Structure formats: structure tokens, C-alpha cells
Amino acid sequence: MLETISLIVVLFALFSCYIAFLSRIPKRGRYPDANAQIITATITNTNKTAEKVATLRAKADDGRKFKVKMTPTEAKMWIKGDIINVALSSDKKKYRVLFHEYFKANESRLREEAIAILEKKIPTNFISAKLVGYNKESLDAIKTSEADSQTIFTFSTLMHLIDVYSVIGALFAVVFAIWFLSSSPEFGKYIIPLALILMFAWVIYGTVTTCKNILKKL
């Protein structure tokens, strides 16, 4: 049973890496010659994580929908319901979502929103907080720092990932320990589950280190 679960996890991880490797940024929403007309649209989704490719979606008053895919370095957090400008081509078929201008014009609001998310979703008594050394004083330091919205958003995302990875890794380790002690499997049978546990530990360690470095800079 554990071997099957391990194989599924490995295959899923490999598939995710394959998809991430092949991911590309399409031209939709980035047409360079779209300068004939600028309209406004309402953002209809949110960017929940800071470490992945993200797609901003918006809808104009006439019902037309727009979207633009951004790399992790481009995609800052945005606020659902905000107004964003969209530049249309002369035939109105192609468009360019002005997300850089939106991020720049709304940085102060986005920073406040990022702090609110951090304060709400990352309590100081969670696993990540204990591992990183994040406490009430840390939150106060972030509030008074000059950190931009993206730095705070990234920190919040990584802290959440530490909690998720820690819980999954701990549960898998418990199942592995029970299985190992009850059946005493041969080395070839437990090497994959053991490798997965070590992988979780390494990912958690690296993410914790990154979060500690962010706090030091703040």
C-alpha cells in the first residue's frame, strides 16, 4: 500500500515538474501594437501564491473577458474587484493588459493587502512560525519596514508552504514508520518512501532558510 502511494506521489511530482518546464507565456494579453484605445476592466480573480506562473483575468462592462499570463517574477499579488486598464488594437481583436501600470499605481494598497493576508493566514503559533522564528515582533517589524508588497506576499506564501509540507511530510513519516516496523521490508522496497521523506525534509529546510533570510533583511 505504501509503495503504491509512494509511486503515485513520485509520478505526480515528475508530472508537475514536466508541466512547469514546458509552461510558456502566451502572447494573449501582450499584443505590443495594441495602442488604438484604452478601456477599463474589472479584475475577476486573485493570485493566491507568489512562486508560480499566474494568470490575471478581467472583464469589461460589455462582458468581454481578458486575461494575461505572467511569470512568477512578473506576477505580484492583485486585488479582485480592482479596475485595470486594457489597450486594444485598432480592430479591437487583440489587446494588451496593462498590469505593470496597475502594480505600480496601486503598490501602497497592495502592500496593505499583503500585510493583512500575512496577519490573517500565518498565525504566530503555527508550525512555520515556530521553525522560522516568526512572532508578533516580526509582524510589527514587517509593518514598519520598507518591504514592498511582493516581498511580503512571497514571505506569506512560503510560510504557508512550510505548514503544508510539514503536515504532509509528518503524516507520511508516521505511515512509513508503522509500515517499516510492522513488516521489516527489504531495502529495495523502502528506498522510495524513505527518499520521499528526505525530499520533504530538504524542501522544508530550504524554505525555512529562505524565510529566515527574508526576516533578517526586514
N, C-alpha and C. Protein backbone atom coordinates (compact mmCIF):
# COMPACT_ATOMS: atom_id res chain seq x y z
N MET A 1 0.83 -1.21 0.00
CA MET A 1 0.00 0.00 0.00
C MET A 1 0.87 1.26 0.00
N LEU A 2 1.86 1.27 0.89
CA LEU A 2 2.74 2.44 0.99
C LEU A 2 3.55 2.61 -0.28
N GLU A 3 3.95 1.48 -0.89
CA GLU A 3 4.72 1.55 -2.12
C GLU A 3 3.89 2.17 -3.25
N THR A 4 2.61 1.81 -3.28
CA THR A 4 1.71 2.37 -4.31
C THR A 4 1.55 3.86 -4.13
N ILE A 5 1.34 4.28 -2.87
CA ILE A 5 1.20 5.71 -2.57
C ILE A 5 2.47 6.45 -2.95
N SER A 6 3.61 5.86 -2.63
CA SER A 6 4.90 6.50 -2.94
C SER A 6 5.07 6.66 -4.43
N LEU A 7 4.71 5.62 -5.19
CA LEU A 7 4.85 5.68 -6.64
C LEU A 7 3.95 6.76 -7.23
N ILE A 8 2.73 6.86 -6.70
CA ILE A 8 1.80 7.89 -7.17
C ILE A 8 2.35 9.28 -6.90
N VAL A 9 2.91 9.47 -5.69
CA VAL A 9 3.47 10.77 -5.32
C VAL A 9 4.64 11.12 -6.23
N VAL A 10 5.50 10.14 -6.50
CA VAL A 10 6.66 10.38 -7.36
C VAL A 10 6.22 10.75 -8.77
N LEU A 11 5.26 9.99 -9.31
CA LEU A 11 4.77 10.27 -10.66
C LEU A 11 4.12 11.64 -10.74
N PHE A 12 3.38 12.00 -9.70
CA PHE A 12 2.74 13.32 -9.67
C PHE A 12 3.79 14.42 -9.63
N ALA A 13 4.85 14.22 -8.83
CA ALA A 13 5.91 15.22 -8.74
C ALA A 13 6.62 15.37 -10.08
N LEU A 14 6.90 14.24 -10.75
CA LEU A 14 7.56 14.30 -12.05
C LEU A 14 6.68 14.98 -13.09
N PHE A 15 5.39 14.68 -13.04
CA PHE A 15 4.45 15.30 -13.99
C PHE A 15 4.37 16.80 -13.76
N SER A 16 4.34 17.22 -12.49
CA SER A 16 4.29 18.65 -12.16
C SER A 16 5.53 19.36 -12.67
N CYS A 17 6.70 18.72 -12.50
CA CYS A 17 7.94 19.31 -12.98
C CYS A 17 7.94 19.42 -14.50
N TYR A 18 7.38 18.42 -15.16
CA TYR A 18 7.31 18.41 -16.61
C TYR A 18 6.43 19.54 -17.12
N ILE A 19 5.29 19.71 -16.49
CA ILE A 19 4.37 20.79 -16.87
C ILE A 19 5.01 22.15 -16.62
N ALA A 20 5.68 22.28 -15.48
CA ALA A 20 6.33 23.56 -15.17
C ALA A 20 7.44 23.87 -16.17
N PHE A 21 8.16 22.82 -16.59
CA PHE A 21 9.25 23.02 -17.56
C PHE A 21 8.72 23.46 -18.91
N LEU A 22 7.57 22.91 -19.30
CA LEU A 22 7.01 23.23 -20.61
C LEU A 22 6.14 24.48 -20.61
N SER A 23 5.87 25.00 -19.41
CA SER A 23 4.98 26.16 -19.35
C SER A 23 5.62 27.34 -20.08
N ARG A 24 4.81 28.04 -20.81
CA ARG A 24 5.30 29.19 -21.56
C ARG A 24 4.33 30.35 -21.36
N ILE A 25 4.80 31.52 -21.66
CA ILE A 25 3.97 32.71 -21.52
C ILE A 25 3.39 33.04 -22.89
N PRO A 26 2.09 32.85 -23.10
CA PRO A 26 1.48 33.12 -24.41
C PRO A 26 1.42 34.60 -24.72
N LYS A 27 1.20 34.91 -26.00
CA LYS A 27 1.13 36.30 -26.44
C LYS A 27 -0.19 36.97 -26.07
N ARG A 28 -1.20 36.15 -25.78
CA ARG A 28 -2.51 36.73 -25.45
C ARG A 28 -2.38 37.69 -24.27
N GLY A 29 -2.94 38.88 -24.44
CA GLY A 29 -2.88 39.88 -23.40
C GLY A 29 -1.63 40.72 -23.42
N ARG A 30 -0.76 40.50 -24.43
CA ARG A 30 0.52 41.19 -24.51
C ARG A 30 0.78 41.76 -25.92
N TYR A 31 -0.23 41.92 -26.72
CA TYR A 31 -0.03 42.36 -28.09
C TYR A 31 0.64 43.74 -28.09
N PRO A 32 1.87 43.86 -28.60
CA PRO A 32 2.65 45.10 -28.47
C PRO A 32 2.08 46.31 -29.22
N ASP A 33 1.35 46.06 -30.30
CA ASP A 33 0.83 47.18 -31.10
C ASP A 33 -0.59 47.58 -30.72
N ALA A 34 -1.07 47.08 -29.60
CA ALA A 34 -2.42 47.45 -29.15
C ALA A 34 -2.35 48.82 -28.46
N ASN A 35 -2.53 49.88 -29.26
CA ASN A 35 -2.44 51.25 -28.74
C ASN A 35 -3.57 52.14 -29.24
N ALA A 36 -4.55 51.55 -29.91
CA ALA A 36 -5.60 52.36 -30.52
C ALA A 36 -6.58 52.91 -29.50
N GLN A 37 -6.88 52.12 -28.46
CA GLN A 37 -7.88 52.54 -27.48
C GLN A 37 -7.60 51.87 -26.15
N ILE A 38 -7.80 52.62 -25.07
CA ILE A 38 -7.63 52.06 -23.72
C ILE A 38 -8.99 52.02 -23.03
N ILE A 39 -9.36 50.85 -22.56
CA ILE A 39 -10.62 50.69 -21.82
C ILE A 39 -10.30 50.16 -20.43
N THR A 40 -11.30 50.11 -19.58
CA THR A 40 -11.12 49.58 -18.24
C THR A 40 -11.85 48.24 -18.10
N ALA A 41 -11.33 47.42 -17.23
CA ALA A 41 -11.94 46.12 -16.95
C ALA A 41 -11.79 45.82 -15.47
N THR A 42 -12.67 44.99 -14.94
CA THR A 42 -12.65 44.63 -13.53
C THR A 42 -11.95 43.29 -13.34
N ILE A 43 -10.97 43.24 -12.45
CA ILE A 43 -10.26 42.00 -12.17
C ILE A 43 -11.21 41.01 -11.51
N THR A 44 -11.24 39.79 -12.01
CA THR A 44 -12.22 38.80 -11.53
C THR A 44 -11.62 37.63 -10.76
N ASN A 45 -10.31 37.62 -10.57
CA ASN A 45 -9.71 36.52 -9.80
C ASN A 45 -8.62 37.05 -8.89
N THR A 46 -7.97 36.16 -8.16
CA THR A 46 -6.90 36.55 -7.26
C THR A 46 -5.66 35.70 -7.54
N ASN A 47 -4.51 36.23 -7.17
CA ASN A 47 -3.27 35.47 -7.25
C ASN A 47 -2.97 34.93 -5.85
N LYS A 48 -3.10 33.63 -5.68
CA LYS A 48 -3.02 33.04 -4.34
C LYS A 48 -1.61 32.69 -3.90
N THR A 49 -0.70 32.48 -4.85
CA THR A 49 0.66 32.11 -4.50
C THR A 49 1.67 32.94 -5.29
N ALA A 50 2.84 33.13 -4.70
CA ALA A 50 3.83 34.01 -5.32
C ALA A 50 4.92 33.27 -6.07
N GLU A 51 4.91 31.94 -6.03
CA GLU A 51 6.03 31.21 -6.60
C GLU A 51 5.68 30.51 -7.92
N LYS A 52 4.50 30.77 -8.46
CA LYS A 52 4.08 30.09 -9.68
C LYS A 52 3.68 31.09 -10.77
N VAL A 53 3.59 30.55 -11.99
CA VAL A 53 3.02 31.33 -13.08
C VAL A 53 1.58 31.65 -12.74
N ALA A 54 1.14 32.86 -13.00
CA ALA A 54 -0.22 33.27 -12.64
C ALA A 54 -0.90 33.96 -13.82
N THR A 55 -2.20 33.79 -13.89
CA THR A 55 -2.99 34.42 -14.95
C THR A 55 -3.99 35.40 -14.35
N LEU A 56 -3.85 36.65 -14.73
CA LEU A 56 -4.78 37.69 -14.28
C LEU A 56 -5.96 37.70 -15.26
N ARG A 57 -7.17 37.66 -14.72
CA ARG A 57 -8.38 37.67 -15.54
C ARG A 57 -9.20 38.92 -15.22
N ALA A 58 -9.78 39.50 -16.23
CA ALA A 58 -10.59 40.71 -16.05
C ALA A 58 -11.77 40.69 -17.01
N LYS A 59 -12.78 41.51 -16.68
CA LYS A 59 -13.98 41.56 -17.50
C LYS A 59 -14.43 43.00 -17.66
N ALA A 60 -14.69 43.40 -18.91
CA ALA A 60 -15.13 44.76 -19.20
C ALA A 60 -16.64 44.89 -18.95
N ASP A 61 -17.13 46.12 -18.97
CA ASP A 61 -18.55 46.37 -18.72
C ASP A 61 -19.45 45.73 -19.78
N ASP A 62 -18.92 45.58 -21.00
CA ASP A 62 -19.71 44.98 -22.07
C ASP A 62 -19.67 43.45 -22.04
N GLY A 63 -19.00 42.89 -21.06
CA GLY A 63 -18.95 41.44 -20.90
C GLY A 63 -17.74 40.78 -21.50
N ARG A 64 -16.94 41.52 -22.25
CA ARG A 64 -15.75 40.92 -22.86
C ARG A 64 -14.73 40.57 -21.79
N LYS A 65 -14.13 39.39 -21.94
CA LYS A 65 -13.18 38.92 -20.96
C LYS A 65 -11.74 39.04 -21.48
N PHE A 66 -10.84 39.34 -20.56
CA PHE A 66 -9.43 39.49 -20.89
C PHE A 66 -8.61 38.64 -19.92
N LYS A 67 -7.43 38.22 -20.38
CA LYS A 67 -6.52 37.53 -19.47
C LYS A 67 -5.09 37.69 -19.96
N VAL A 68 -4.17 37.63 -19.02
CA VAL A 68 -2.76 37.72 -19.35
C VAL A 68 -1.99 36.82 -18.39
N LYS A 69 -1.13 35.99 -18.93
CA LYS A 69 -0.33 35.07 -18.14
C LYS A 69 1.01 35.71 -17.82
N MET A 70 1.41 35.60 -16.56
CA MET A 70 2.64 36.24 -16.11
C MET A 70 3.58 35.24 -15.45
N THR A 71 4.88 35.50 -15.58
CA THR A 71 5.87 34.68 -14.90
C THR A 71 5.83 35.00 -13.40
N PRO A 72 6.41 34.13 -12.56
CA PRO A 72 6.45 34.42 -11.12
C PRO A 72 7.12 35.75 -10.78
N THR A 73 8.10 36.16 -11.59
CA THR A 73 8.78 37.43 -11.32
C THR A 73 7.91 38.62 -11.72
N GLU A 74 7.00 38.42 -12.65
CA GLU A 74 6.10 39.49 -13.07
C GLU A 74 4.86 39.57 -12.19
N ALA A 75 4.36 38.43 -11.80
CA ALA A 75 3.04 38.34 -11.15
C ALA A 75 3.10 38.70 -9.68
N LYS A 76 2.83 39.92 -9.38
CA LYS A 76 2.66 40.32 -8.00
C LYS A 76 1.22 39.99 -7.59
N MET A 77 0.89 40.20 -6.34
CA MET A 77 -0.49 39.97 -5.94
C MET A 77 -1.36 41.10 -6.48
N TRP A 78 -2.62 40.80 -6.72
CA TRP A 78 -3.57 41.82 -7.15
C TRP A 78 -4.86 41.65 -6.36
N ILE A 79 -5.74 42.62 -6.44
CA ILE A 79 -6.96 42.61 -5.64
C ILE A 79 -8.16 42.40 -6.54
N LYS A 80 -8.91 41.36 -6.26
CA LYS A 80 -10.11 41.07 -7.03
C LYS A 80 -11.11 42.21 -6.88
N GLY A 81 -11.65 42.66 -8.00
CA GLY A 81 -12.59 43.77 -7.97
C GLY A 81 -11.97 45.10 -8.35
N ASP A 82 -10.63 45.16 -8.40
CA ASP A 82 -9.96 46.38 -8.82
C ASP A 82 -10.14 46.62 -10.32
N ILE A 83 -9.95 47.86 -10.71
CA ILE A 83 -10.04 48.23 -12.12
C ILE A 83 -8.65 48.25 -12.73
N ILE A 84 -8.52 47.65 -13.92
CA ILE A 84 -7.25 47.63 -14.63
C ILE A 84 -7.47 48.10 -16.06
N ASN A 85 -6.48 48.77 -16.63
CA ASN A 85 -6.60 49.26 -18.00
C ASN A 85 -6.18 48.19 -19.01
N VAL A 86 -6.87 48.19 -20.13
CA VAL A 86 -6.57 47.27 -21.22
C VAL A 86 -6.48 48.07 -22.51
N ALA A 87 -5.38 47.93 -23.23
CA ALA A 87 -5.18 48.63 -24.50
C ALA A 87 -5.62 47.72 -25.65
N LEU A 88 -6.46 48.25 -26.53
CA LEU A 88 -6.98 47.48 -27.65
C LEU A 88 -6.28 47.86 -28.95
N SER A 89 -6.22 46.92 -29.88
CA SER A 89 -5.70 47.20 -31.21
C SER A 89 -6.76 47.95 -32.01
N SER A 90 -6.40 48.42 -33.19
CA SER A 90 -7.34 49.20 -34.00
C SER A 90 -8.58 48.41 -34.39
N ASP A 91 -8.43 47.11 -34.59
CA ASP A 91 -9.59 46.29 -34.92
C ASP A 91 -10.26 45.71 -33.67
N LYS A 92 -9.73 46.03 -32.50
CA LYS A 92 -10.26 45.62 -31.19
C LYS A 92 -10.23 44.11 -30.95
N LYS A 93 -9.54 43.38 -31.82
CA LYS A 93 -9.47 41.94 -31.66
C LYS A 93 -8.33 41.52 -30.74
N LYS A 94 -7.24 42.28 -30.76
CA LYS A 94 -6.10 41.97 -29.92
C LYS A 94 -5.97 43.03 -28.83
N TYR A 95 -5.33 42.65 -27.75
CA TYR A 95 -5.27 43.57 -26.61
C TYR A 95 -4.00 43.36 -25.79
N ARG A 96 -3.76 44.35 -24.93
CA ARG A 96 -2.60 44.32 -24.03
C ARG A 96 -3.06 44.76 -22.64
N VAL A 97 -2.99 43.86 -21.69
CA VAL A 97 -3.38 44.17 -20.31
C VAL A 97 -2.25 44.93 -19.65
N LEU A 98 -2.54 46.12 -19.14
CA LEU A 98 -1.50 46.99 -18.57
C LEU A 98 -1.27 46.65 -17.10
N PHE A 99 -0.77 45.45 -16.84
CA PHE A 99 -0.61 45.01 -15.45
C PHE A 99 0.57 45.69 -14.76
N HIS A 100 1.63 46.03 -15.50
CA HIS A 100 2.75 46.72 -14.87
C HIS A 100 2.30 48.07 -14.31
N GLU A 101 1.51 48.78 -15.09
CA GLU A 101 0.99 50.08 -14.64
C GLU A 101 0.08 49.92 -13.42
N TYR A 102 -0.70 48.86 -13.42
CA TYR A 102 -1.60 48.60 -12.28
C TYR A 102 -0.79 48.35 -11.01
N PHE A 103 0.23 47.51 -11.08
CA PHE A 103 1.04 47.21 -9.91
C PHE A 103 1.73 48.46 -9.37
N LYS A 104 2.23 49.28 -10.27
CA LYS A 104 2.95 50.48 -9.86
C LYS A 104 2.01 51.50 -9.20
N ALA A 105 0.84 51.70 -9.79
CA ALA A 105 -0.09 52.70 -9.28
C ALA A 105 -0.73 52.29 -7.96
N ASN A 106 -0.80 50.99 -7.69
CA ASN A 106 -1.51 50.51 -6.50
C ASN A 106 -0.60 49.87 -5.47
N GLU A 107 0.69 50.14 -5.52
CA GLU A 107 1.65 49.49 -4.64
C GLU A 107 1.29 49.66 -3.15
N SER A 108 0.92 50.85 -2.74
CA SER A 108 0.62 51.07 -1.33
C SER A 108 -0.59 50.24 -0.87
N ARG A 109 -1.61 50.17 -1.71
CA ARG A 109 -2.80 49.37 -1.39
C ARG A 109 -2.46 47.88 -1.38
N LEU A 110 -1.65 47.47 -2.34
CA LEU A 110 -1.27 46.07 -2.42
C LEU A 110 -0.43 45.67 -1.21
N ARG A 111 0.41 46.58 -0.75
CA ARG A 111 1.23 46.29 0.43
C ARG A 111 0.34 46.10 1.67
N GLU A 112 -0.65 46.95 1.83
CA GLU A 112 -1.57 46.82 2.95
C GLU A 112 -2.33 45.49 2.87
N GLU A 113 -2.72 45.11 1.68
CA GLU A 113 -3.43 43.85 1.50
C GLU A 113 -2.52 42.67 1.81
N ALA A 114 -1.25 42.75 1.39
CA ALA A 114 -0.30 41.67 1.66
C ALA A 114 -0.07 41.50 3.17
N ILE A 115 0.01 42.60 3.89
CA ILE A 115 0.17 42.54 5.34
C ILE A 115 -1.06 41.93 5.99
N ALA A 116 -2.24 42.30 5.50
CA ALA A 116 -3.49 41.75 6.05
C ALA A 116 -3.56 40.24 5.84
N ILE A 117 -3.14 39.78 4.67
CA ILE A 117 -3.13 38.35 4.38
C ILE A 117 -2.14 37.62 5.29
N LEU A 118 -0.96 38.20 5.46
CA LEU A 118 0.05 37.61 6.33
C LEU A 118 -0.47 37.50 7.76
N GLU A 119 -1.07 38.56 8.24
CA GLU A 119 -1.57 38.58 9.61
C GLU A 119 -2.71 37.59 9.82
N LYS A 120 -3.53 37.39 8.80
CA LYS A 120 -4.69 36.51 8.91
C LYS A 120 -4.34 35.04 8.71
N LYS A 121 -3.49 34.74 7.73
CA LYS A 121 -3.26 33.35 7.34
C LYS A 121 -2.04 32.69 7.99
N ILE A 122 -1.16 33.51 8.59
CA ILE A 122 0.05 32.94 9.20
C ILE A 122 0.09 33.33 10.68
N PRO A 123 -0.68 32.65 11.53
CA PRO A 123 -0.63 32.93 12.97
C PRO A 123 0.74 32.62 13.55
N THR A 124 1.07 33.29 14.62
CA THR A 124 2.41 33.14 15.21
C THR A 124 2.58 31.82 15.98
N ASN A 125 1.51 31.01 16.08
CA ASN A 125 1.63 29.72 16.77
C ASN A 125 1.62 28.54 15.81
N PHE A 126 1.71 28.80 14.51
CA PHE A 126 1.74 27.73 13.51
C PHE A 126 3.14 27.12 13.42
N ILE A 127 3.22 25.98 12.73
CA ILE A 127 4.50 25.28 12.57
C ILE A 127 5.54 26.18 11.93
N SER A 128 5.15 26.85 10.85
CA SER A 128 6.10 27.70 10.13
C SER A 128 6.65 28.80 11.02
N ALA A 129 5.78 29.38 11.84
CA ALA A 129 6.22 30.45 12.73
C ALA A 129 7.27 29.95 13.73
N LYS A 130 7.05 28.75 14.26
CA LYS A 130 8.00 28.19 15.22
C LYS A 130 9.34 27.87 14.56
N LEU A 131 9.29 27.34 13.34
CA LEU A 131 10.52 26.96 12.65
C LEU A 131 11.32 28.17 12.19
N VAL A 132 10.63 29.20 11.75
CA VAL A 132 11.29 30.39 11.20
C VAL A 132 11.66 31.40 12.28
N GLY A 133 10.92 31.37 13.41
CA GLY A 133 11.13 32.37 14.45
C GLY A 133 10.29 33.60 14.22
N TYR A 134 9.14 33.40 13.59
CA TYR A 134 8.22 34.49 13.29
C TYR A 134 7.27 34.69 14.46
N ASN A 135 7.18 35.93 14.96
CA ASN A 135 6.33 36.21 16.10
C ASN A 135 5.67 37.59 15.94
N LYS A 136 5.03 38.06 16.99
CA LYS A 136 4.34 39.35 16.94
C LYS A 136 5.30 40.48 16.63
N GLU A 137 6.51 40.40 17.19
CA GLU A 137 7.51 41.43 16.92
C GLU A 137 7.93 41.40 15.45
N SER A 138 7.99 40.21 14.88
CA SER A 138 8.34 40.10 13.46
C SER A 138 7.29 40.77 12.59
N LEU A 139 6.02 40.53 12.91
CA LEU A 139 4.92 41.15 12.16
C LEU A 139 4.99 42.67 12.27
N ASP A 140 5.24 43.17 13.47
CA ASP A 140 5.35 44.62 13.66
C ASP A 140 6.52 45.19 12.86
N ALA A 141 7.63 44.43 12.80
CA ALA A 141 8.80 44.87 12.05
C ALA A 141 8.49 44.93 10.56
N ILE A 142 7.73 43.96 10.07
CA ILE A 142 7.36 43.95 8.66
C ILE A 142 6.46 45.14 8.34
N LYS A 143 5.53 45.44 9.23
CA LYS A 143 4.62 46.56 9.01
C LYS A 143 5.36 47.89 8.91
N THR A 144 6.40 48.04 9.70
CA THR A 144 7.13 49.32 9.72
C THR A 144 8.32 49.34 8.77
N SER A 145 8.58 48.23 8.11
CA SER A 145 9.72 48.15 7.20
C SER A 145 9.38 48.82 5.86
N GLU A 146 10.37 48.84 4.99
CA GLU A 146 10.18 49.38 3.65
C GLU A 146 9.97 48.27 2.62
N ALA A 147 9.67 47.08 3.11
CA ALA A 147 9.45 45.95 2.20
C ALA A 147 8.26 46.22 1.30
N ASP A 148 8.40 45.87 0.02
CA ASP A 148 7.30 46.07 -0.91
C ASP A 148 6.29 44.95 -0.81
N SER A 149 5.19 45.09 -1.53
CA SER A 149 4.10 44.12 -1.45
C SER A 149 4.53 42.74 -1.89
N GLN A 150 5.39 42.65 -2.91
CA GLN A 150 5.80 41.36 -3.43
C GLN A 150 6.65 40.59 -2.43
N THR A 151 7.53 41.27 -1.70
CA THR A 151 8.35 40.62 -0.68
C THR A 151 7.48 40.03 0.42
N ILE A 152 6.51 40.81 0.87
CA ILE A 152 5.61 40.35 1.93
C ILE A 152 4.73 39.21 1.43
N PHE A 153 4.25 39.33 0.21
CA PHE A 153 3.42 38.29 -0.39
C PHE A 153 4.20 36.99 -0.55
N THR A 154 5.45 37.09 -0.97
CA THR A 154 6.31 35.91 -1.13
C THR A 154 6.56 35.26 0.22
N PHE A 155 6.84 36.05 1.23
CA PHE A 155 7.07 35.53 2.58
C PHE A 155 5.84 34.78 3.08
N SER A 156 4.68 35.36 2.89
CA SER A 156 3.43 34.73 3.32
C SER A 156 3.21 33.40 2.59
N THR A 157 3.48 33.38 1.29
CA THR A 157 3.32 32.15 0.50
C THR A 157 4.25 31.05 0.99
N LEU A 158 5.51 31.39 1.21
CA LEU A 158 6.48 30.40 1.64
C LEU A 158 6.17 29.87 3.04
N MET A 159 5.70 30.74 3.92
CA MET A 159 5.32 30.31 5.26
C MET A 159 4.16 29.31 5.19
N HIS A 160 3.21 29.58 4.33
CA HIS A 160 2.08 28.66 4.15
C HIS A 160 2.56 27.31 3.61
N LEU A 161 3.51 27.34 2.69
CA LEU A 161 4.04 26.11 2.12
C LEU A 161 4.76 25.28 3.19
N ILE A 162 5.44 25.94 4.11
CA ILE A 162 6.11 25.22 5.20
C ILE A 162 5.09 24.44 6.02
N ASP A 163 3.96 25.07 6.34
CA ASP A 163 2.91 24.40 7.10
C ASP A 163 2.37 23.19 6.33
N VAL A 164 2.11 23.37 5.05
CA VAL A 164 1.55 22.29 4.23
C VAL A 164 2.55 21.14 4.12
N TYR A 165 3.79 21.45 3.76
CA TYR A 165 4.81 20.41 3.61
C TYR A 165 5.07 19.70 4.94
N SER A 166 5.05 20.43 6.03
CA SER A 166 5.33 19.83 7.34
C SER A 166 4.25 18.81 7.72
N VAL A 167 3.00 19.17 7.50
CA VAL A 167 1.89 18.27 7.84
C VAL A 167 1.93 17.01 6.96
N ILE A 168 2.08 17.21 5.64
CA ILE A 168 2.13 16.07 4.73
C ILE A 168 3.34 15.19 5.02
N GLY A 169 4.49 15.81 5.21
CA GLY A 169 5.70 15.05 5.50
C GLY A 169 5.61 14.27 6.80
N ALA A 170 5.02 14.88 7.83
CA ALA A 170 4.89 14.21 9.13
C ALA A 170 3.94 13.01 9.03
N LEU A 171 2.82 13.19 8.33
CA LEU A 171 1.87 12.08 8.17
C LEU A 171 2.50 10.93 7.40
N PHE A 172 3.21 11.27 6.34
CA PHE A 172 3.87 10.23 5.55
C PHE A 172 4.93 9.52 6.36
N ALA A 173 5.66 10.26 7.19
CA ALA A 173 6.70 9.65 8.03
C ALA A 173 6.10 8.69 9.05
N VAL A 174 4.95 9.05 9.61
CA VAL A 174 4.28 8.18 10.58
C VAL A 174 3.83 6.89 9.91
N VAL A 175 3.20 7.03 8.73
CA VAL A 175 2.76 5.84 7.99
C VAL A 175 3.96 4.96 7.63
N PHE A 176 5.05 5.59 7.21
CA PHE A 176 6.26 4.84 6.85
C PHE A 176 6.81 4.09 8.06
N ALA A 177 6.84 4.76 9.22
CA ALA A 177 7.39 4.14 10.42
C ALA A 177 6.56 2.93 10.85
N ILE A 178 5.23 3.08 10.80
CA ILE A 178 4.35 1.96 11.18
C ILE A 178 4.55 0.78 10.22
N TRP A 179 4.60 1.10 8.93
CA TRP A 179 4.79 0.06 7.91
C TRP A 179 6.15 -0.61 8.05
N PHE A 180 7.17 0.16 8.29
CA PHE A 180 8.53 -0.38 8.39
C PHE A 180 8.67 -1.28 9.62
N LEU A 181 8.13 -0.85 10.75
CA LEU A 181 8.27 -1.62 11.99
C LEU A 181 7.41 -2.89 11.98
N SER A 182 6.31 -2.83 11.26
CA SER A 182 5.39 -3.98 11.26
C SER A 182 5.77 -5.06 10.24
N SER A 183 6.41 -4.65 9.14
CA SER A 183 6.71 -5.62 8.07
C SER A 183 8.19 -5.85 7.81
N SER A 184 9.04 -4.99 8.35
CA SER A 184 10.50 -5.11 8.15
C SER A 184 10.85 -5.39 6.69
N PRO A 185 10.52 -4.47 5.80
CA PRO A 185 10.73 -4.70 4.36
C PRO A 185 12.21 -4.68 3.98
N GLU A 186 12.51 -5.25 2.82
CA GLU A 186 13.86 -5.23 2.30
C GLU A 186 14.22 -3.82 1.84
N PHE A 187 15.51 -3.56 1.69
CA PHE A 187 15.97 -2.22 1.34
C PHE A 187 15.34 -1.71 0.06
N GLY A 188 15.21 -2.55 -0.93
CA GLY A 188 14.67 -2.12 -2.22
C GLY A 188 13.23 -1.68 -2.15
N LYS A 189 12.51 -2.14 -1.12
CA LYS A 189 11.09 -1.81 -1.01
C LYS A 189 10.84 -0.49 -0.28
N TYR A 190 11.77 -0.10 0.58
CA TYR A 190 11.53 1.13 1.34
C TYR A 190 12.40 2.31 0.91
N ILE A 191 13.21 2.12 -0.13
CA ILE A 191 14.09 3.19 -0.56
C ILE A 191 13.32 4.39 -1.12
N ILE A 192 12.24 4.11 -1.89
CA ILE A 192 11.45 5.21 -2.46
C ILE A 192 10.71 5.99 -1.37
N PRO A 193 9.98 5.32 -0.46
CA PRO A 193 9.33 6.08 0.62
C PRO A 193 10.31 6.88 1.46
N LEU A 194 11.47 6.28 1.74
CA LEU A 194 12.48 6.99 2.53
C LEU A 194 13.00 8.21 1.78
N ALA A 195 13.18 8.05 0.47
CA ALA A 195 13.64 9.17 -0.35
C ALA A 195 12.62 10.31 -0.34
N LEU A 196 11.33 9.97 -0.35
CA LEU A 196 10.29 10.99 -0.31
C LEU A 196 10.31 11.76 1.01
N ILE A 197 10.53 11.04 2.10
CA ILE A 197 10.60 11.69 3.41
C ILE A 197 11.79 12.65 3.45
N LEU A 198 12.92 12.20 2.94
CA LEU A 198 14.11 13.06 2.90
C LEU A 198 13.88 14.26 1.98
N MET A 199 13.13 14.06 0.90
CA MET A 199 12.82 15.16 -0.02
C MET A 199 11.98 16.22 0.69
N PHE A 200 10.95 15.77 1.43
CA PHE A 200 10.12 16.70 2.19
C PHE A 200 10.98 17.47 3.20
N ALA A 201 11.87 16.75 3.89
CA ALA A 201 12.72 17.39 4.89
C ALA A 201 13.61 18.44 4.24
N TRP A 202 14.16 18.14 3.06
CA TRP A 202 15.05 19.07 2.38
C TRP A 202 14.29 20.30 1.89
N VAL A 203 13.10 20.09 1.35
CA VAL A 203 12.28 21.21 0.88
C VAL A 203 11.90 22.12 2.04
N ILE A 204 11.50 21.51 3.15
CA ILE A 204 11.13 22.30 4.33
C ILE A 204 12.32 23.09 4.83
N TYR A 205 13.48 22.44 4.89
CA TYR A 205 14.70 23.12 5.36
C TYR A 205 15.04 24.31 4.47
N GLY A 206 14.98 24.11 3.16
CA GLY A 206 15.30 25.19 2.24
C GLY A 206 14.32 26.34 2.33
N THR A 207 13.04 26.03 2.47
CA THR A 207 12.02 27.07 2.57
C THR A 207 12.13 27.84 3.88
N VAL A 208 12.41 27.12 4.96
CA VAL A 208 12.62 27.77 6.26
C VAL A 208 13.81 28.72 6.20
N THR A 209 14.89 28.28 5.58
CA THR A 209 16.09 29.12 5.45
C THR A 209 15.77 30.38 4.65
N THR A 210 15.02 30.25 3.57
CA THR A 210 14.65 31.41 2.77
C THR A 210 13.82 32.39 3.58
N CYS A 211 12.87 31.90 4.34
CA CYS A 211 12.02 32.77 5.16
C CYS A 211 12.83 33.47 6.25
N LYS A 212 13.78 32.76 6.84
CA LYS A 212 14.65 33.37 7.85
C LYS A 212 15.47 34.51 7.24
N ASN A 213 15.95 34.29 6.02
CA ASN A 213 16.73 35.34 5.35
C ASN A 213 15.89 36.55 5.03
N ILE A 214 14.64 36.32 4.65
CA ILE A 214 13.74 37.45 4.39
C ILE A 214 13.51 38.26 5.65
N LEU A 215 13.30 37.56 6.78
CA LEU A 215 13.10 38.28 8.04
C LEU A 215 14.33 39.08 8.43
N LYS A 216 15.51 38.51 8.19
CA LYS A 216 16.74 39.22 8.52
C LYS A 216 16.85 40.52 7.72
N LYS A 217 16.49 40.44 6.45
CA LYS A 217 16.56 41.64 5.61
C LYS A 217 15.57 42.68 6.06
N LEU A 218 14.46 42.26 6.61
CA LEU A 218 13.45 43.22 7.05
C LEU A 218 13.81 43.84 8.40
